[in-house]
Amino acid sequence: MRDIGDQAGVFGGSLYHHIRSKDALFVELHDAALDAAAARIAAAVAERTDPWERLAAGCTTLLEIQLDPESLTLPMMNDFREVPAEVRERLIERRDRFEMQFRSLVDALPLPAHLDRSVYRNMLLSQLNTAANWYRPGRLTPAEIAAQMVAIFWHG
C-alpha cells in the first residue's frame, strides 16, 4: 500500500482511509475495469439491430479491450487463483454480471433449438478471453478476428 501511495502521491496510511486493504483495492480496480468495458460494449451494441451484427460488435469490442496492452481488464478478469476465497467469490459474481451482456446477445440469436445457449455463450467467451494468448498484431485486426469467430459460431 505504501508503494501504491507513493505512486499516487499520497501517504500509504491515507490510502487505508479510502481503501481498507490490498484485496479491497484489487476489487475496486477489477470492478472499475469491468464497468468501463461494459459501457464500451453496450455503446457498440446499441448502434446495431441485427442480432448477428450486435454479437459481432460485442465480440469486437471485447477483443479490442482484451488485446490492448494497456488494458486492465485481461489480467483482472481471467485469473483469480491467487486471491482469497471470499474475494474470489465477489470477483466471480461481478464477472458473471458483466457476462450478462453476452447472455442477452446470444439469447437474441436465431439459433437451432438443439443448441444449448449457455454452452454456446461460454465457448464464445472462452475464445474471446483467451485470444491474448495467441494473438499477434499485424495479421488480423480485432474486428476481423471477431468476424471470423462469429462466422464460425454462426455456421459451425
N, C-alpha and C. Protein backbone atom coordinates (compact mmCIF):
# COMPACT_ATOMS: atom_id res chain seq x y z
N MET A 1 0.83 -1.19 0.00
CA MET A 1 0.00 0.00 0.00
C MET A 1 0.88 1.25 0.00
N ARG A 2 2.02 1.16 0.68
CA ARG A 2 2.93 2.31 0.69
C ARG A 2 3.42 2.62 -0.71
N ASP A 3 3.78 1.58 -1.46
CA ASP A 3 4.24 1.78 -2.84
C ASP A 3 3.14 2.39 -3.70
N ILE A 4 1.93 1.92 -3.53
CA ILE A 4 0.81 2.46 -4.30
C ILE A 4 0.60 3.92 -3.92
N GLY A 5 0.66 4.21 -2.62
CA GLY A 5 0.53 5.60 -2.17
C GLY A 5 1.61 6.49 -2.75
N ASP A 6 2.85 5.98 -2.79
CA ASP A 6 3.95 6.75 -3.38
C ASP A 6 3.65 7.07 -4.85
N GLN A 7 3.18 6.07 -5.58
CA GLN A 7 2.87 6.28 -7.00
C GLN A 7 1.71 7.26 -7.19
N ALA A 8 0.76 7.23 -6.25
CA ALA A 8 -0.40 8.10 -6.35
C ALA A 8 -0.16 9.48 -5.74
N GLY A 9 0.99 9.62 -5.06
CA GLY A 9 1.30 10.91 -4.46
C GLY A 9 0.62 11.15 -3.13
N VAL A 10 0.26 10.09 -2.42
CA VAL A 10 -0.35 10.22 -1.10
C VAL A 10 0.38 9.28 -0.14
N PHE A 11 0.23 9.53 1.14
CA PHE A 11 0.82 8.65 2.13
C PHE A 11 0.08 7.32 2.13
N GLY A 12 0.82 6.21 2.29
CA GLY A 12 0.21 4.89 2.31
C GLY A 12 -0.90 4.80 3.34
N GLY A 13 -0.69 5.40 4.51
CA GLY A 13 -1.71 5.39 5.55
C GLY A 13 -2.98 6.08 5.12
N SER A 14 -2.84 7.12 4.29
CA SER A 14 -4.02 7.83 3.80
C SER A 14 -4.86 6.94 2.90
N LEU A 15 -4.20 6.05 2.18
CA LEU A 15 -4.95 5.13 1.32
C LEU A 15 -5.88 4.25 2.14
N TYR A 16 -5.41 3.84 3.33
CA TYR A 16 -6.24 2.96 4.16
C TYR A 16 -7.52 3.66 4.61
N HIS A 17 -7.51 4.98 4.62
CA HIS A 17 -8.74 5.72 4.94
C HIS A 17 -9.80 5.48 3.86
N HIS A 18 -9.36 5.32 2.60
CA HIS A 18 -10.28 5.14 1.48
C HIS A 18 -10.43 3.68 1.08
N ILE A 19 -9.34 2.93 1.20
CA ILE A 19 -9.34 1.53 0.78
C ILE A 19 -8.75 0.71 1.93
N ARG A 20 -9.51 -0.24 2.41
CA ARG A 20 -9.15 -0.96 3.63
C ARG A 20 -7.96 -1.92 3.48
N SER A 21 -7.76 -2.47 2.27
CA SER A 21 -6.72 -3.48 2.11
C SER A 21 -6.32 -3.59 0.64
N LYS A 22 -5.27 -4.36 0.40
CA LYS A 22 -4.87 -4.63 -0.99
C LYS A 22 -5.97 -5.38 -1.74
N ASP A 23 -6.62 -6.31 -1.04
CA ASP A 23 -7.72 -7.05 -1.67
C ASP A 23 -8.85 -6.11 -2.06
N ALA A 24 -9.18 -5.17 -1.17
CA ALA A 24 -10.25 -4.21 -1.47
C ALA A 24 -9.86 -3.33 -2.65
N LEU A 25 -8.59 -2.96 -2.72
CA LEU A 25 -8.11 -2.16 -3.85
C LEU A 25 -8.23 -2.96 -5.14
N PHE A 26 -7.85 -4.23 -5.10
CA PHE A 26 -7.96 -5.08 -6.28
C PHE A 26 -9.41 -5.18 -6.74
N VAL A 27 -10.33 -5.37 -5.81
CA VAL A 27 -11.75 -5.46 -6.15
C VAL A 27 -12.23 -4.16 -6.79
N GLU A 28 -11.82 -3.02 -6.23
CA GLU A 28 -12.21 -1.72 -6.79
C GLU A 28 -11.69 -1.57 -8.22
N LEU A 29 -10.43 -1.91 -8.44
CA LEU A 29 -9.85 -1.81 -9.79
C LEU A 29 -10.54 -2.77 -10.75
N HIS A 30 -10.78 -3.99 -10.29
CA HIS A 30 -11.47 -5.00 -11.10
C HIS A 30 -12.84 -4.50 -11.53
N ASP A 31 -13.61 -3.99 -10.56
CA ASP A 31 -14.96 -3.53 -10.85
C ASP A 31 -14.94 -2.33 -11.80
N ALA A 32 -13.99 -1.42 -11.59
CA ALA A 32 -13.88 -0.25 -12.47
C ALA A 32 -13.52 -0.67 -13.90
N ALA A 33 -12.63 -1.63 -14.05
CA ALA A 33 -12.25 -2.11 -15.38
C ALA A 33 -13.45 -2.77 -16.07
N LEU A 34 -14.20 -3.57 -15.33
CA LEU A 34 -15.38 -4.21 -15.92
C LEU A 34 -16.46 -3.20 -16.25
N ASP A 35 -16.65 -2.21 -15.39
CA ASP A 35 -17.64 -1.16 -15.68
C ASP A 35 -17.30 -0.44 -16.97
N ALA A 36 -16.02 -0.09 -17.14
CA ALA A 36 -15.60 0.61 -18.36
C ALA A 36 -15.78 -0.29 -19.58
N ALA A 37 -15.42 -1.56 -19.46
CA ALA A 37 -15.59 -2.49 -20.57
C ALA A 37 -17.06 -2.67 -20.91
N ALA A 38 -17.90 -2.82 -19.90
CA ALA A 38 -19.34 -3.00 -20.13
C ALA A 38 -19.93 -1.79 -20.85
N ALA A 39 -19.50 -0.60 -20.46
CA ALA A 39 -20.02 0.62 -21.11
C ALA A 39 -19.60 0.67 -22.57
N ARG A 40 -18.36 0.30 -22.86
CA ARG A 40 -17.91 0.29 -24.26
C ARG A 40 -18.68 -0.72 -25.09
N ILE A 41 -18.90 -1.90 -24.53
CA ILE A 41 -19.63 -2.94 -25.26
C ILE A 41 -21.08 -2.50 -25.48
N ALA A 42 -21.71 -1.96 -24.46
CA ALA A 42 -23.10 -1.51 -24.59
C ALA A 42 -23.23 -0.44 -25.67
N ALA A 43 -22.28 0.48 -25.73
CA ALA A 43 -22.32 1.53 -26.75
C ALA A 43 -22.17 0.94 -28.14
N ALA A 44 -21.26 0.01 -28.31
CA ALA A 44 -21.03 -0.60 -29.63
C ALA A 44 -22.24 -1.41 -30.09
N VAL A 45 -22.86 -2.12 -29.18
CA VAL A 45 -24.00 -2.98 -29.50
C VAL A 45 -25.25 -2.14 -29.79
N ALA A 46 -25.39 -1.04 -29.08
CA ALA A 46 -26.59 -0.20 -29.21
C ALA A 46 -26.76 0.38 -30.61
N GLU A 47 -25.68 0.48 -31.35
CA GLU A 47 -25.72 1.07 -32.69
C GLU A 47 -26.28 0.12 -33.75
N ARG A 48 -26.57 -1.12 -33.38
CA ARG A 48 -26.99 -2.13 -34.35
C ARG A 48 -28.30 -2.78 -33.92
N THR A 49 -29.02 -3.32 -34.92
CA THR A 49 -30.27 -4.00 -34.60
C THR A 49 -30.23 -5.49 -34.95
N ASP A 50 -29.47 -5.87 -35.98
CA ASP A 50 -29.37 -7.27 -36.37
C ASP A 50 -28.65 -8.06 -35.28
N PRO A 51 -29.21 -9.19 -34.82
CA PRO A 51 -28.59 -9.93 -33.71
C PRO A 51 -27.17 -10.39 -33.99
N TRP A 52 -26.88 -10.79 -35.22
CA TRP A 52 -25.52 -11.24 -35.54
C TRP A 52 -24.55 -10.05 -35.58
N GLU A 53 -25.02 -8.92 -36.07
CA GLU A 53 -24.18 -7.71 -36.07
C GLU A 53 -23.94 -7.23 -34.64
N ARG A 54 -24.96 -7.36 -33.80
CA ARG A 54 -24.79 -6.97 -32.39
C ARG A 54 -23.77 -7.88 -31.71
N LEU A 55 -23.85 -9.18 -32.00
CA LEU A 55 -22.87 -10.11 -31.43
C LEU A 55 -21.47 -9.77 -31.92
N ALA A 56 -21.33 -9.51 -33.21
CA ALA A 56 -20.01 -9.16 -33.76
C ALA A 56 -19.48 -7.88 -33.12
N ALA A 57 -20.33 -6.90 -32.91
CA ALA A 57 -19.90 -5.65 -32.27
C ALA A 57 -19.45 -5.90 -30.84
N GLY A 58 -20.19 -6.72 -30.11
CA GLY A 58 -19.80 -7.06 -28.74
C GLY A 58 -18.48 -7.81 -28.71
N CYS A 59 -18.32 -8.77 -29.62
CA CYS A 59 -17.08 -9.54 -29.68
C CYS A 59 -15.90 -8.65 -30.08
N THR A 60 -16.10 -7.79 -31.06
CA THR A 60 -15.04 -6.88 -31.50
C THR A 60 -14.59 -6.00 -30.34
N THR A 61 -15.55 -5.43 -29.65
CA THR A 61 -15.21 -4.51 -28.56
C THR A 61 -14.49 -5.25 -27.43
N LEU A 62 -14.96 -6.44 -27.07
CA LEU A 62 -14.28 -7.19 -26.02
C LEU A 62 -12.87 -7.56 -26.46
N LEU A 63 -12.70 -7.95 -27.72
CA LEU A 63 -11.35 -8.26 -28.20
C LEU A 63 -10.46 -7.02 -28.19
N GLU A 64 -10.99 -5.88 -28.59
CA GLU A 64 -10.19 -4.65 -28.55
C GLU A 64 -9.72 -4.37 -27.12
N ILE A 65 -10.59 -4.59 -26.17
CA ILE A 65 -10.24 -4.37 -24.77
C ILE A 65 -9.22 -5.41 -24.32
N GLN A 66 -9.48 -6.67 -24.61
CA GLN A 66 -8.61 -7.76 -24.15
C GLN A 66 -7.22 -7.71 -24.80
N LEU A 67 -7.15 -7.25 -26.05
CA LEU A 67 -5.88 -7.26 -26.77
C LEU A 67 -5.10 -5.95 -26.62
N ASP A 68 -5.66 -4.98 -25.95
CA ASP A 68 -4.96 -3.72 -25.70
C ASP A 68 -3.92 -3.95 -24.61
N PRO A 69 -2.62 -3.71 -24.93
CA PRO A 69 -1.59 -3.97 -23.93
C PRO A 69 -1.74 -3.11 -22.67
N GLU A 70 -2.46 -2.01 -22.76
CA GLU A 70 -2.68 -1.14 -21.61
C GLU A 70 -3.93 -1.51 -20.81
N SER A 71 -4.67 -2.48 -21.28
CA SER A 71 -5.94 -2.83 -20.65
C SER A 71 -5.73 -3.48 -19.28
N LEU A 72 -6.51 -3.05 -18.32
CA LEU A 72 -6.52 -3.70 -17.01
C LEU A 72 -7.45 -4.90 -17.00
N THR A 73 -8.34 -4.97 -17.96
CA THR A 73 -9.40 -5.97 -17.93
C THR A 73 -8.85 -7.39 -18.03
N LEU A 74 -7.94 -7.64 -18.95
CA LEU A 74 -7.46 -9.01 -19.16
C LEU A 74 -6.85 -9.60 -17.90
N PRO A 75 -5.85 -8.96 -17.31
CA PRO A 75 -5.28 -9.61 -16.12
C PRO A 75 -6.24 -9.68 -14.95
N MET A 76 -7.20 -8.78 -14.91
CA MET A 76 -8.10 -8.75 -13.76
C MET A 76 -9.26 -9.72 -13.90
N MET A 77 -9.62 -10.12 -15.10
CA MET A 77 -10.80 -10.96 -15.28
C MET A 77 -10.50 -12.45 -15.27
N ASN A 78 -9.31 -12.82 -15.62
CA ASN A 78 -9.11 -14.21 -16.01
C ASN A 78 -8.38 -15.10 -15.02
N ASP A 79 -7.80 -14.56 -13.98
CA ASP A 79 -7.05 -15.43 -13.09
C ASP A 79 -7.29 -15.02 -11.64
N PHE A 80 -8.15 -15.76 -10.98
CA PHE A 80 -8.49 -15.45 -9.59
C PHE A 80 -7.90 -16.47 -8.63
N ARG A 81 -6.97 -17.28 -9.07
CA ARG A 81 -6.44 -18.35 -8.22
C ARG A 81 -5.67 -17.82 -7.01
N GLU A 82 -5.07 -16.65 -7.14
CA GLU A 82 -4.20 -16.15 -6.09
C GLU A 82 -4.90 -15.28 -5.06
N VAL A 83 -6.19 -15.09 -5.18
CA VAL A 83 -6.91 -14.23 -4.23
C VAL A 83 -7.64 -15.09 -3.21
N PRO A 84 -7.87 -14.55 -2.02
CA PRO A 84 -8.60 -15.31 -1.00
C PRO A 84 -10.00 -15.69 -1.49
N ALA A 85 -10.52 -16.76 -0.94
CA ALA A 85 -11.80 -17.32 -1.40
C ALA A 85 -12.93 -16.30 -1.36
N GLU A 86 -13.02 -15.50 -0.30
CA GLU A 86 -14.13 -14.55 -0.20
C GLU A 86 -14.01 -13.45 -1.26
N VAL A 87 -12.78 -13.08 -1.58
CA VAL A 87 -12.57 -12.08 -2.64
C VAL A 87 -12.88 -12.72 -3.99
N ARG A 88 -12.44 -13.96 -4.19
CA ARG A 88 -12.69 -14.68 -5.43
C ARG A 88 -14.19 -14.75 -5.71
N GLU A 89 -14.98 -15.05 -4.69
CA GLU A 89 -16.43 -15.14 -4.87
C GLU A 89 -17.00 -13.81 -5.35
N ARG A 90 -16.53 -12.71 -4.78
CA ARG A 90 -17.02 -11.39 -5.18
C ARG A 90 -16.62 -11.08 -6.62
N LEU A 91 -15.38 -11.41 -6.99
CA LEU A 91 -14.90 -11.15 -8.35
C LEU A 91 -15.67 -11.97 -9.37
N ILE A 92 -15.93 -13.22 -9.05
CA ILE A 92 -16.67 -14.08 -9.97
C ILE A 92 -18.10 -13.60 -10.12
N GLU A 93 -18.71 -13.18 -9.01
CA GLU A 93 -20.07 -12.63 -9.08
C GLU A 93 -20.11 -11.40 -9.99
N ARG A 94 -19.12 -10.54 -9.88
CA ARG A 94 -19.08 -9.33 -10.71
C ARG A 94 -18.82 -9.68 -12.17
N ARG A 95 -17.93 -10.64 -12.41
CA ARG A 95 -17.66 -11.07 -13.78
C ARG A 95 -18.90 -11.68 -14.40
N ASP A 96 -19.65 -12.45 -13.62
CA ASP A 96 -20.88 -13.05 -14.14
C ASP A 96 -21.88 -11.97 -14.55
N ARG A 97 -21.97 -10.88 -13.76
CA ARG A 97 -22.87 -9.78 -14.14
C ARG A 97 -22.39 -9.13 -15.44
N PHE A 98 -21.08 -8.99 -15.59
CA PHE A 98 -20.53 -8.44 -16.82
C PHE A 98 -20.91 -9.32 -18.01
N GLU A 99 -20.81 -10.61 -17.84
CA GLU A 99 -21.08 -11.54 -18.93
C GLU A 99 -22.56 -11.62 -19.29
N MET A 100 -23.42 -11.02 -18.48
CA MET A 100 -24.85 -10.98 -18.81
C MET A 100 -25.08 -10.26 -20.14
N GLN A 101 -24.19 -9.33 -20.49
CA GLN A 101 -24.31 -8.67 -21.79
C GLN A 101 -24.27 -9.70 -22.90
N PHE A 102 -23.37 -10.65 -22.78
CA PHE A 102 -23.25 -11.68 -23.81
C PHE A 102 -24.39 -12.69 -23.72
N ARG A 103 -24.94 -12.88 -22.54
CA ARG A 103 -26.13 -13.74 -22.43
C ARG A 103 -27.25 -13.13 -23.26
N SER A 104 -27.45 -11.82 -23.13
CA SER A 104 -28.50 -11.13 -23.89
C SER A 104 -28.24 -11.21 -25.38
N LEU A 105 -26.98 -11.03 -25.77
CA LEU A 105 -26.65 -11.10 -27.19
C LEU A 105 -26.92 -12.49 -27.76
N VAL A 106 -26.52 -13.52 -27.03
CA VAL A 106 -26.71 -14.90 -27.50
C VAL A 106 -28.19 -15.27 -27.46
N ASP A 107 -28.90 -14.83 -26.45
CA ASP A 107 -30.33 -15.15 -26.36
C ASP A 107 -31.11 -14.58 -27.55
N ALA A 108 -30.62 -13.49 -28.13
CA ALA A 108 -31.32 -12.86 -29.26
C ALA A 108 -31.02 -13.54 -30.60
N LEU A 109 -30.06 -14.44 -30.63
CA LEU A 109 -29.67 -15.08 -31.89
C LEU A 109 -30.70 -16.13 -32.31
N PRO A 110 -30.91 -16.25 -33.62
CA PRO A 110 -31.80 -17.30 -34.12
C PRO A 110 -31.03 -18.63 -34.25
N LEU A 111 -30.79 -19.25 -33.11
CA LEU A 111 -30.02 -20.50 -33.10
C LEU A 111 -30.96 -21.69 -33.17
N PRO A 112 -30.46 -22.81 -33.70
CA PRO A 112 -31.27 -24.03 -33.69
C PRO A 112 -31.63 -24.42 -32.25
N ALA A 113 -32.81 -24.97 -32.08
CA ALA A 113 -33.32 -25.31 -30.75
C ALA A 113 -32.44 -26.30 -30.01
N HIS A 114 -31.72 -27.16 -30.74
CA HIS A 114 -30.92 -28.19 -30.07
C HIS A 114 -29.63 -27.63 -29.46
N LEU A 115 -29.26 -26.39 -29.76
CA LEU A 115 -28.05 -25.81 -29.18
C LEU A 115 -28.35 -25.23 -27.81
N ASP A 116 -27.53 -25.57 -26.85
CA ASP A 116 -27.64 -25.02 -25.50
C ASP A 116 -26.97 -23.64 -25.50
N ARG A 117 -27.74 -22.62 -25.26
CA ARG A 117 -27.23 -21.24 -25.33
C ARG A 117 -26.17 -20.97 -24.28
N SER A 118 -26.26 -21.62 -23.15
CA SER A 118 -25.25 -21.44 -22.11
C SER A 118 -23.90 -21.99 -22.56
N VAL A 119 -23.91 -23.17 -23.14
CA VAL A 119 -22.68 -23.76 -23.67
C VAL A 119 -22.13 -22.88 -24.80
N TYR A 120 -23.00 -22.45 -25.69
CA TYR A 120 -22.63 -21.59 -26.81
C TYR A 120 -21.94 -20.32 -26.29
N ARG A 121 -22.59 -19.65 -25.33
CA ARG A 121 -22.05 -18.40 -24.78
C ARG A 121 -20.71 -18.63 -24.08
N ASN A 122 -20.63 -19.68 -23.28
CA ASN A 122 -19.39 -19.94 -22.54
C ASN A 122 -18.24 -20.30 -23.47
N MET A 123 -18.53 -21.04 -24.53
CA MET A 123 -17.48 -21.36 -25.50
C MET A 123 -17.01 -20.09 -26.21
N LEU A 124 -17.94 -19.23 -26.59
CA LEU A 124 -17.60 -17.98 -27.25
C LEU A 124 -16.75 -17.10 -26.33
N LEU A 125 -17.20 -16.93 -25.09
CA LEU A 125 -16.44 -16.11 -24.14
C LEU A 125 -15.07 -16.70 -23.85
N SER A 126 -14.98 -18.02 -23.79
CA SER A 126 -13.67 -18.65 -23.58
C SER A 126 -12.71 -18.31 -24.71
N GLN A 127 -13.21 -18.34 -25.92
CA GLN A 127 -12.37 -17.98 -27.06
C GLN A 127 -11.97 -16.51 -27.02
N LEU A 128 -12.91 -15.64 -26.72
CA LEU A 128 -12.62 -14.21 -26.64
C LEU A 128 -11.63 -13.90 -25.53
N ASN A 129 -11.82 -14.52 -24.38
CA ASN A 129 -10.98 -14.21 -23.21
C ASN A 129 -9.59 -14.81 -23.27
N THR A 130 -9.35 -15.74 -24.18
CA THR A 130 -8.01 -16.32 -24.30
C THR A 130 -7.30 -15.90 -25.57
N ALA A 131 -7.90 -15.01 -26.34
CA ALA A 131 -7.28 -14.58 -27.61
C ALA A 131 -5.91 -13.94 -27.39
N ALA A 132 -5.72 -13.29 -26.26
CA ALA A 132 -4.42 -12.65 -25.98
C ALA A 132 -3.30 -13.68 -25.88
N ASN A 133 -3.64 -14.94 -25.63
CA ASN A 133 -2.61 -15.99 -25.55
C ASN A 133 -1.99 -16.29 -26.91
N TRP A 134 -2.74 -16.09 -28.00
CA TRP A 134 -2.23 -16.45 -29.32
C TRP A 134 -2.18 -15.28 -30.29
N TYR A 135 -2.83 -14.20 -29.98
CA TYR A 135 -2.90 -13.05 -30.90
C TYR A 135 -1.52 -12.42 -31.09
N ARG A 136 -1.21 -12.08 -32.35
CA ARG A 136 -0.01 -11.33 -32.69
C ARG A 136 -0.44 -10.19 -33.61
N PRO A 137 -0.14 -8.95 -33.24
CA PRO A 137 -0.56 -7.80 -34.06
C PRO A 137 0.01 -7.90 -35.48
N GLY A 138 -0.76 -7.38 -36.41
CA GLY A 138 -0.26 -7.28 -37.78
C GLY A 138 -1.01 -8.09 -38.80
N ARG A 139 -1.48 -9.26 -38.45
CA ARG A 139 -2.17 -10.08 -39.45
C ARG A 139 -3.65 -9.73 -39.54
N LEU A 140 -4.38 -9.89 -38.45
CA LEU A 140 -5.81 -9.59 -38.42
C LEU A 140 -6.08 -8.58 -37.30
N THR A 141 -7.03 -7.71 -37.53
CA THR A 141 -7.45 -6.76 -36.51
C THR A 141 -8.42 -7.47 -35.56
N PRO A 142 -8.65 -6.88 -34.39
CA PRO A 142 -9.67 -7.47 -33.51
C PRO A 142 -11.03 -7.61 -34.21
N ALA A 143 -11.41 -6.63 -35.03
CA ALA A 143 -12.69 -6.71 -35.75
C ALA A 143 -12.70 -7.89 -36.72
N GLU A 144 -11.59 -8.13 -37.39
CA GLU A 144 -11.52 -9.25 -38.33
C GLU A 144 -11.55 -10.59 -37.60
N ILE A 145 -10.89 -10.66 -36.46
CA ILE A 145 -10.93 -11.88 -35.65
C ILE A 145 -12.35 -12.12 -35.14
N ALA A 146 -12.99 -11.07 -34.65
CA ALA A 146 -14.37 -11.20 -34.17
C ALA A 146 -15.29 -11.66 -35.29
N ALA A 147 -15.12 -11.13 -36.48
CA ALA A 147 -15.95 -11.55 -37.61
C ALA A 147 -15.73 -13.03 -37.91
N GLN A 148 -14.49 -13.49 -37.83
CA GLN A 148 -14.21 -14.91 -38.04
C GLN A 148 -14.87 -15.77 -36.96
N MET A 149 -14.77 -15.33 -35.71
CA MET A 149 -15.38 -16.09 -34.62
C MET A 149 -16.89 -16.17 -34.79
N VAL A 150 -17.51 -15.04 -35.10
CA VAL A 150 -18.97 -15.04 -35.28
C VAL A 150 -19.35 -15.93 -36.46
N ALA A 151 -18.58 -15.89 -37.54
CA ALA A 151 -18.87 -16.74 -38.69
C ALA A 151 -18.77 -18.22 -38.31
N ILE A 152 -17.77 -18.57 -37.55
CA ILE A 152 -17.61 -19.96 -37.12
C ILE A 152 -18.76 -20.38 -36.22
N PHE A 153 -19.12 -19.51 -35.28
CA PHE A 153 -20.21 -19.84 -34.35
C PHE A 153 -21.57 -19.78 -35.05
N TRP A 154 -21.68 -19.03 -36.12
CA TRP A 154 -22.92 -18.94 -36.86
C TRP A 154 -23.13 -20.16 -37.76
N HIS A 155 -22.05 -20.51 -38.47
CA HIS A 155 -22.15 -21.56 -39.47
C HIS A 155 -21.57 -22.89 -39.01
N GLY A 156 -20.94 -22.87 -37.85
CA GLY A 156 -20.21 -24.06 -37.41
C GLY A 156 -21.06 -25.20 -36.97
